Each structure stands twice: as C-alpha cells, then as structure tokens.
Amino acid sequence: MIFSKKKKGISGLWGYVLLLASILGIFIISTNRMFENSSEDGRRLLTEAVTKTAVHCYAIEGQYPKDIEYLEENYGLSYNHEKYTVHYDLIGANLMPSIFVTESDLND
C-alpha cells in the first residue's frame, strides 16, 4: 500500500504527557508571579497613599499627625486592615514620619 498508518507507540504518548506537564508548569509559575506582583503593587500604592495623606495633613495643620488613626478619622484614609499593616513612626511634629507597609500575618 502507498498509504500506511504509522502506529504511535508509547514514546508518542510520553511526548504528549511531557508537553502537557510543561504547559501546566509554565501556567503555575506565571500565576504565582502575577500574585507576587499584585501584592507588591498593593503595598507600594498604600505606602504612597499614606505618605501623600500625611503630607496633606502637614500642609494644612503645620505638623504631621501623631498616628495613622488620625489620618483615617480626619482625612478619609482607608485600607484593608486584615491584609496590610501600616508602620507609621513619627519622629517629630515637623519631620516626615517613617512609613512602610507589610502584609498582615492575620491571613495565615
């Protein structure tokens, strides 16, 4: 016969399994990186928001607020308290406070 079917042996099946496993691995790695980038962006944006709100308070009142709660009560700052912890360390009324954001351990 001119046309003959070639039998796909076990090696052909393993090729498909390997291809599927590779695609699945790439998908998992990509998803993890996406979540890491999203989390980092959230921390960065919250840090910027707290900093801008503190500077706004300083511009209006002539001094930085004593704590983060003051910004929430008087300047409308809000964030997810369960997801993030804002570290706000006031050095002096006329010195920019140290502000950094971490993810809360409450999610564990």
N, C-alpha and C. Protein backbone atom coordinates (compact mmCIF):
# COMPACT_ATOMS: atom_id res chain seq x y z
N MET A 1 0.82 -1.18 0.00
CA MET A 1 0.00 0.00 0.00
C MET A 1 0.86 1.25 0.00
N ILE A 2 0.34 2.27 -0.63
CA ILE A 2 1.06 3.54 -0.66
C ILE A 2 0.86 4.28 0.65
N PHE A 3 -0.37 4.27 1.14
CA PHE A 3 -0.66 4.96 2.40
C PHE A 3 -0.73 3.93 3.51
N SER A 4 0.10 4.12 4.47
CA SER A 4 0.05 3.22 5.61
C SER A 4 0.06 4.05 6.89
N LYS A 5 -0.66 3.56 7.85
CA LYS A 5 -0.72 4.26 9.13
C LYS A 5 0.46 3.82 9.98
N LYS A 6 1.09 4.83 10.56
CA LYS A 6 2.16 4.51 11.49
C LYS A 6 1.53 4.40 12.87
N LYS A 7 1.91 3.38 13.57
CA LYS A 7 1.40 3.21 14.91
C LYS A 7 2.18 4.11 15.86
N LYS A 8 1.42 4.82 16.67
CA LYS A 8 2.07 5.64 17.69
C LYS A 8 2.30 4.74 18.89
N GLY A 9 3.53 4.63 19.21
CA GLY A 9 3.88 3.77 20.33
C GLY A 9 3.82 4.54 21.65
N ILE A 10 4.39 3.94 22.63
CA ILE A 10 4.43 4.55 23.95
C ILE A 10 5.22 5.84 23.95
N SER A 11 6.23 5.93 23.11
CA SER A 11 7.04 7.14 23.09
C SER A 11 6.22 8.35 22.65
N GLY A 12 5.27 8.21 21.75
CA GLY A 12 4.39 9.30 21.35
C GLY A 12 3.51 9.77 22.48
N LEU A 13 3.01 8.83 23.27
CA LEU A 13 2.17 9.15 24.42
C LEU A 13 2.98 9.93 25.46
N TRP A 14 4.21 9.52 25.71
CA TRP A 14 5.06 10.22 26.67
C TRP A 14 5.37 11.64 26.20
N GLY A 15 5.47 11.83 24.91
CA GLY A 15 5.69 13.17 24.37
C GLY A 15 4.53 14.10 24.70
N TYR A 16 3.31 13.60 24.55
CA TYR A 16 2.14 14.40 24.88
C TYR A 16 2.06 14.68 26.38
N VAL A 17 2.37 13.70 27.19
CA VAL A 17 2.35 13.88 28.64
C VAL A 17 3.39 14.93 29.04
N LEU A 18 4.58 14.85 28.46
CA LEU A 18 5.64 15.82 28.76
C LEU A 18 5.23 17.23 28.32
N LEU A 19 4.61 17.35 27.17
CA LEU A 19 4.14 18.65 26.68
C LEU A 19 3.08 19.22 27.62
N LEU A 20 2.14 18.40 28.03
CA LEU A 20 1.09 18.83 28.94
C LEU A 20 1.67 19.26 30.29
N ALA A 21 2.61 18.50 30.81
CA ALA A 21 3.25 18.84 32.08
C ALA A 21 4.02 20.17 31.97
N SER A 22 4.67 20.39 30.84
CA SER A 22 5.40 21.64 30.64
C SER A 22 4.46 22.83 30.61
N ILE A 23 3.37 22.70 29.90
CA ILE A 23 2.39 23.79 29.83
C ILE A 23 1.79 24.06 31.20
N LEU A 24 1.48 23.03 31.95
CA LEU A 24 0.94 23.18 33.30
C LEU A 24 1.95 23.87 34.21
N GLY A 25 3.22 23.49 34.12
CA GLY A 25 4.27 24.11 34.93
C GLY A 25 4.43 25.59 34.63
N ILE A 26 4.41 25.94 33.35
CA ILE A 26 4.52 27.35 32.96
C ILE A 26 3.32 28.14 33.48
N PHE A 27 2.14 27.56 33.41
CA PHE A 27 0.93 28.22 33.91
C PHE A 27 1.03 28.48 35.41
N ILE A 28 1.49 27.52 36.18
CA ILE A 28 1.60 27.67 37.64
C ILE A 28 2.62 28.74 37.99
N ILE A 29 3.77 28.72 37.34
CA ILE A 29 4.81 29.72 37.61
C ILE A 29 4.30 31.12 37.26
N SER A 30 3.63 31.27 36.13
CA SER A 30 3.11 32.57 35.72
C SER A 30 2.07 33.10 36.71
N THR A 31 1.20 32.22 37.19
CA THR A 31 0.18 32.62 38.14
C THR A 31 0.81 33.08 39.45
N ASN A 32 1.81 32.37 39.94
CA ASN A 32 2.49 32.77 41.17
C ASN A 32 3.15 34.13 41.02
N ARG A 33 3.80 34.38 39.91
CA ARG A 33 4.45 35.68 39.69
C ARG A 33 3.43 36.80 39.61
N MET A 34 2.28 36.52 39.02
CA MET A 34 1.24 37.54 38.91
C MET A 34 0.75 37.94 40.30
N PHE A 35 0.54 36.96 41.19
CA PHE A 35 0.09 37.27 42.54
C PHE A 35 1.16 38.01 43.34
N GLU A 36 2.43 37.66 43.17
CA GLU A 36 3.51 38.35 43.86
C GLU A 36 3.58 39.81 43.41
N ASN A 37 3.46 40.06 42.11
CA ASN A 37 3.50 41.42 41.59
C ASN A 37 2.30 42.23 42.08
N SER A 38 1.14 41.60 42.14
CA SER A 38 -0.07 42.27 42.60
C SER A 38 0.08 42.67 44.06
N SER A 39 0.62 41.79 44.88
CA SER A 39 0.82 42.08 46.29
C SER A 39 1.81 43.22 46.49
N GLU A 40 2.90 43.21 45.72
CA GLU A 40 3.90 44.27 45.82
C GLU A 40 3.31 45.61 45.39
N ASP A 41 2.50 45.61 44.34
CA ASP A 41 1.84 46.84 43.89
C ASP A 41 0.90 47.37 44.96
N GLY A 42 0.17 46.51 45.63
CA GLY A 42 -0.74 46.93 46.70
C GLY A 42 0.00 47.59 47.84
N ARG A 43 1.12 47.01 48.25
CA ARG A 43 1.92 47.62 49.33
C ARG A 43 2.48 48.97 48.90
N ARG A 44 2.96 49.05 47.68
CA ARG A 44 3.54 50.30 47.18
C ARG A 44 2.47 51.40 47.10
N LEU A 45 1.30 51.06 46.58
CA LEU A 45 0.23 52.05 46.45
C LEU A 45 -0.27 52.52 47.81
N LEU A 46 -0.37 51.62 48.77
CA LEU A 46 -0.80 52.02 50.11
C LEU A 46 0.25 52.90 50.78
N THR A 47 1.52 52.59 50.60
CA THR A 47 2.59 53.43 51.15
C THR A 47 2.51 54.84 50.57
N GLU A 48 2.30 54.92 49.27
CA GLU A 48 2.17 56.24 48.62
C GLU A 48 0.94 56.99 49.14
N ALA A 49 -0.17 56.29 49.33
CA ALA A 49 -1.39 56.94 49.81
C ALA A 49 -1.21 57.48 51.21
N VAL A 50 -0.59 56.71 52.09
CA VAL A 50 -0.37 57.17 53.46
C VAL A 50 0.59 58.36 53.46
N THR A 51 1.64 58.29 52.67
CA THR A 51 2.61 59.38 52.61
C THR A 51 1.95 60.66 52.09
N LYS A 52 1.20 60.57 51.02
CA LYS A 52 0.53 61.75 50.47
C LYS A 52 -0.48 62.33 51.46
N THR A 53 -1.20 61.47 52.16
CA THR A 53 -2.18 61.95 53.14
C THR A 53 -1.48 62.63 54.31
N ALA A 54 -0.36 62.08 54.76
CA ALA A 54 0.40 62.70 55.85
C ALA A 54 0.94 64.06 55.42
N VAL A 55 1.45 64.18 54.20
CA VAL A 55 1.95 65.45 53.69
C VAL A 55 0.81 66.45 53.55
N HIS A 56 -0.34 65.99 53.12
CA HIS A 56 -1.52 66.86 53.02
C HIS A 56 -1.89 67.40 54.40
N CYS A 57 -1.88 66.54 55.39
CA CYS A 57 -2.16 66.94 56.77
C CYS A 57 -1.14 67.99 57.23
N TYR A 58 0.13 67.77 56.92
CA TYR A 58 1.19 68.70 57.30
C TYR A 58 0.97 70.06 56.63
N ALA A 59 0.56 70.05 55.38
CA ALA A 59 0.33 71.30 54.65
C ALA A 59 -0.82 72.10 55.27
N ILE A 60 -1.83 71.41 55.76
CA ILE A 60 -2.99 72.09 56.33
C ILE A 60 -2.77 72.49 57.78
N GLU A 61 -2.22 71.57 58.57
CA GLU A 61 -2.13 71.78 60.02
C GLU A 61 -0.76 72.25 60.50
N GLY A 62 0.26 72.12 59.66
CA GLY A 62 1.59 72.57 60.06
C GLY A 62 2.38 71.54 60.85
N GLN A 63 1.83 70.37 61.00
CA GLN A 63 2.55 69.28 61.67
C GLN A 63 2.02 67.94 61.17
N TYR A 64 2.87 66.93 61.26
CA TYR A 64 2.46 65.60 60.83
C TYR A 64 1.57 64.99 61.90
N PRO A 65 0.63 64.13 61.51
CA PRO A 65 -0.25 63.51 62.51
C PRO A 65 0.51 62.56 63.42
N LYS A 66 -0.02 62.38 64.62
CA LYS A 66 0.64 61.53 65.61
C LYS A 66 0.58 60.05 65.25
N ASP A 67 -0.51 59.65 64.61
CA ASP A 67 -0.67 58.23 64.27
C ASP A 67 -1.53 58.07 63.02
N ILE A 68 -1.58 56.86 62.54
CA ILE A 68 -2.32 56.55 61.31
C ILE A 68 -3.83 56.69 61.53
N GLU A 69 -4.29 56.47 62.75
CA GLU A 69 -5.72 56.59 63.04
C GLU A 69 -6.21 58.02 62.82
N TYR A 70 -5.36 58.99 63.09
CA TYR A 70 -5.72 60.39 62.87
C TYR A 70 -6.00 60.64 61.39
N LEU A 71 -5.17 60.06 60.53
CA LEU A 71 -5.38 60.20 59.09
C LEU A 71 -6.68 59.53 58.65
N GLU A 72 -7.00 58.41 59.27
CA GLU A 72 -8.24 57.70 58.92
C GLU A 72 -9.47 58.50 59.36
N GLU A 73 -9.41 59.06 60.55
CA GLU A 73 -10.57 59.78 61.10
C GLU A 73 -10.77 61.14 60.47
N ASN A 74 -9.69 61.86 60.17
CA ASN A 74 -9.81 63.25 59.74
C ASN A 74 -9.54 63.50 58.25
N TYR A 75 -8.90 62.56 57.59
CA TYR A 75 -8.54 62.79 56.19
C TYR A 75 -9.06 61.70 55.24
N GLY A 76 -9.87 60.80 55.74
CA GLY A 76 -10.53 59.82 54.89
C GLY A 76 -9.65 58.68 54.39
N LEU A 77 -8.48 58.49 54.97
CA LEU A 77 -7.63 57.37 54.57
C LEU A 77 -8.30 56.06 54.99
N SER A 78 -8.34 55.11 54.09
CA SER A 78 -8.89 53.79 54.43
C SER A 78 -8.10 52.73 53.68
N TYR A 79 -7.98 51.58 54.30
CA TYR A 79 -7.27 50.45 53.70
C TYR A 79 -7.75 49.17 54.35
N ASN A 80 -7.38 48.05 53.80
CA ASN A 80 -7.78 46.75 54.31
C ASN A 80 -6.88 46.38 55.49
N HIS A 81 -7.41 46.53 56.69
CA HIS A 81 -6.64 46.26 57.92
C HIS A 81 -6.29 44.78 58.07
N GLU A 82 -7.10 43.92 57.47
CA GLU A 82 -6.83 42.49 57.58
C GLU A 82 -5.68 42.06 56.67
N LYS A 83 -5.50 42.77 55.56
CA LYS A 83 -4.47 42.40 54.60
C LYS A 83 -3.14 43.11 54.85
N TYR A 84 -3.19 44.37 55.28
CA TYR A 84 -1.97 45.17 55.42
C TYR A 84 -1.80 45.72 56.83
N THR A 85 -0.56 45.88 57.23
CA THR A 85 -0.20 46.56 58.46
C THR A 85 0.63 47.77 58.07
N VAL A 86 0.19 48.94 58.51
CA VAL A 86 0.92 50.17 58.22
C VAL A 86 1.78 50.51 59.44
N HIS A 87 3.08 50.63 59.21
CA HIS A 87 4.02 51.01 60.26
C HIS A 87 4.28 52.50 60.10
N TYR A 88 3.80 53.28 61.05
CA TYR A 88 3.87 54.74 61.00
C TYR A 88 4.63 55.19 62.24
N ASP A 89 5.84 55.67 62.05
CA ASP A 89 6.69 56.05 63.17
C ASP A 89 7.00 57.54 63.08
N LEU A 90 6.36 58.32 63.95
CA LEU A 90 6.55 59.76 63.96
C LEU A 90 7.81 60.10 64.75
N ILE A 91 8.70 60.83 64.12
CA ILE A 91 9.97 61.22 64.75
C ILE A 91 9.82 62.57 65.45
N GLY A 92 9.12 63.47 64.82
CA GLY A 92 8.86 64.80 65.36
C GLY A 92 7.74 65.44 64.57
N ALA A 93 7.12 66.47 65.15
CA ALA A 93 5.97 67.09 64.51
C ALA A 93 6.30 67.68 63.15
N ASN A 94 7.54 68.12 62.96
CA ASN A 94 7.93 68.75 61.69
C ASN A 94 8.85 67.89 60.84
N LEU A 95 9.03 66.64 61.21
CA LEU A 95 9.86 65.72 60.44
C LEU A 95 8.97 64.64 59.82
N MET A 96 9.26 64.33 58.56
CA MET A 96 8.48 63.31 57.86
C MET A 96 8.54 61.99 58.61
N PRO A 97 7.39 61.39 58.91
CA PRO A 97 7.39 60.11 59.62
C PRO A 97 7.92 58.99 58.74
N SER A 98 8.39 57.95 59.40
CA SER A 98 8.82 56.74 58.70
C SER A 98 7.56 55.92 58.43
N ILE A 99 7.32 55.62 57.16
CA ILE A 99 6.11 54.90 56.77
C ILE A 99 6.49 53.72 55.90
N PHE A 100 6.07 52.53 56.31
CA PHE A 100 6.20 51.38 55.42
C PHE A 100 5.07 50.40 55.70
N VAL A 101 4.74 49.64 54.69
CA VAL A 101 3.57 48.75 54.74
C VAL A 101 4.04 47.32 54.58
N THR A 102 3.47 46.44 55.39
CA THR A 102 3.74 45.00 55.25
C THR A 102 2.39 44.27 55.16
N GLU A 103 2.46 43.07 54.64
CA GLU A 103 1.25 42.25 54.63
C GLU A 103 1.05 41.68 56.04
N SER A 104 -0.18 41.70 56.49
CA SER A 104 -0.50 41.21 57.83
C SER A 104 -0.32 39.71 57.93
N ASP A 105 0.01 39.25 59.12
CA ASP A 105 0.13 37.82 59.36
C ASP A 105 -1.23 37.22 59.69
N LEU A 106 -2.28 38.01 59.70
CA LEU A 106 -3.61 37.54 60.05
C LEU A 106 -4.18 36.61 59.00
N ASN A 107 -3.65 36.67 57.77
CA ASN A 107 -4.15 35.83 56.68
C ASN A 107 -3.77 34.36 56.85
N ASP A 108 -2.79 34.07 57.67
CA ASP A 108 -2.29 32.69 57.81
C ASP A 108 -3.22 31.84 58.59
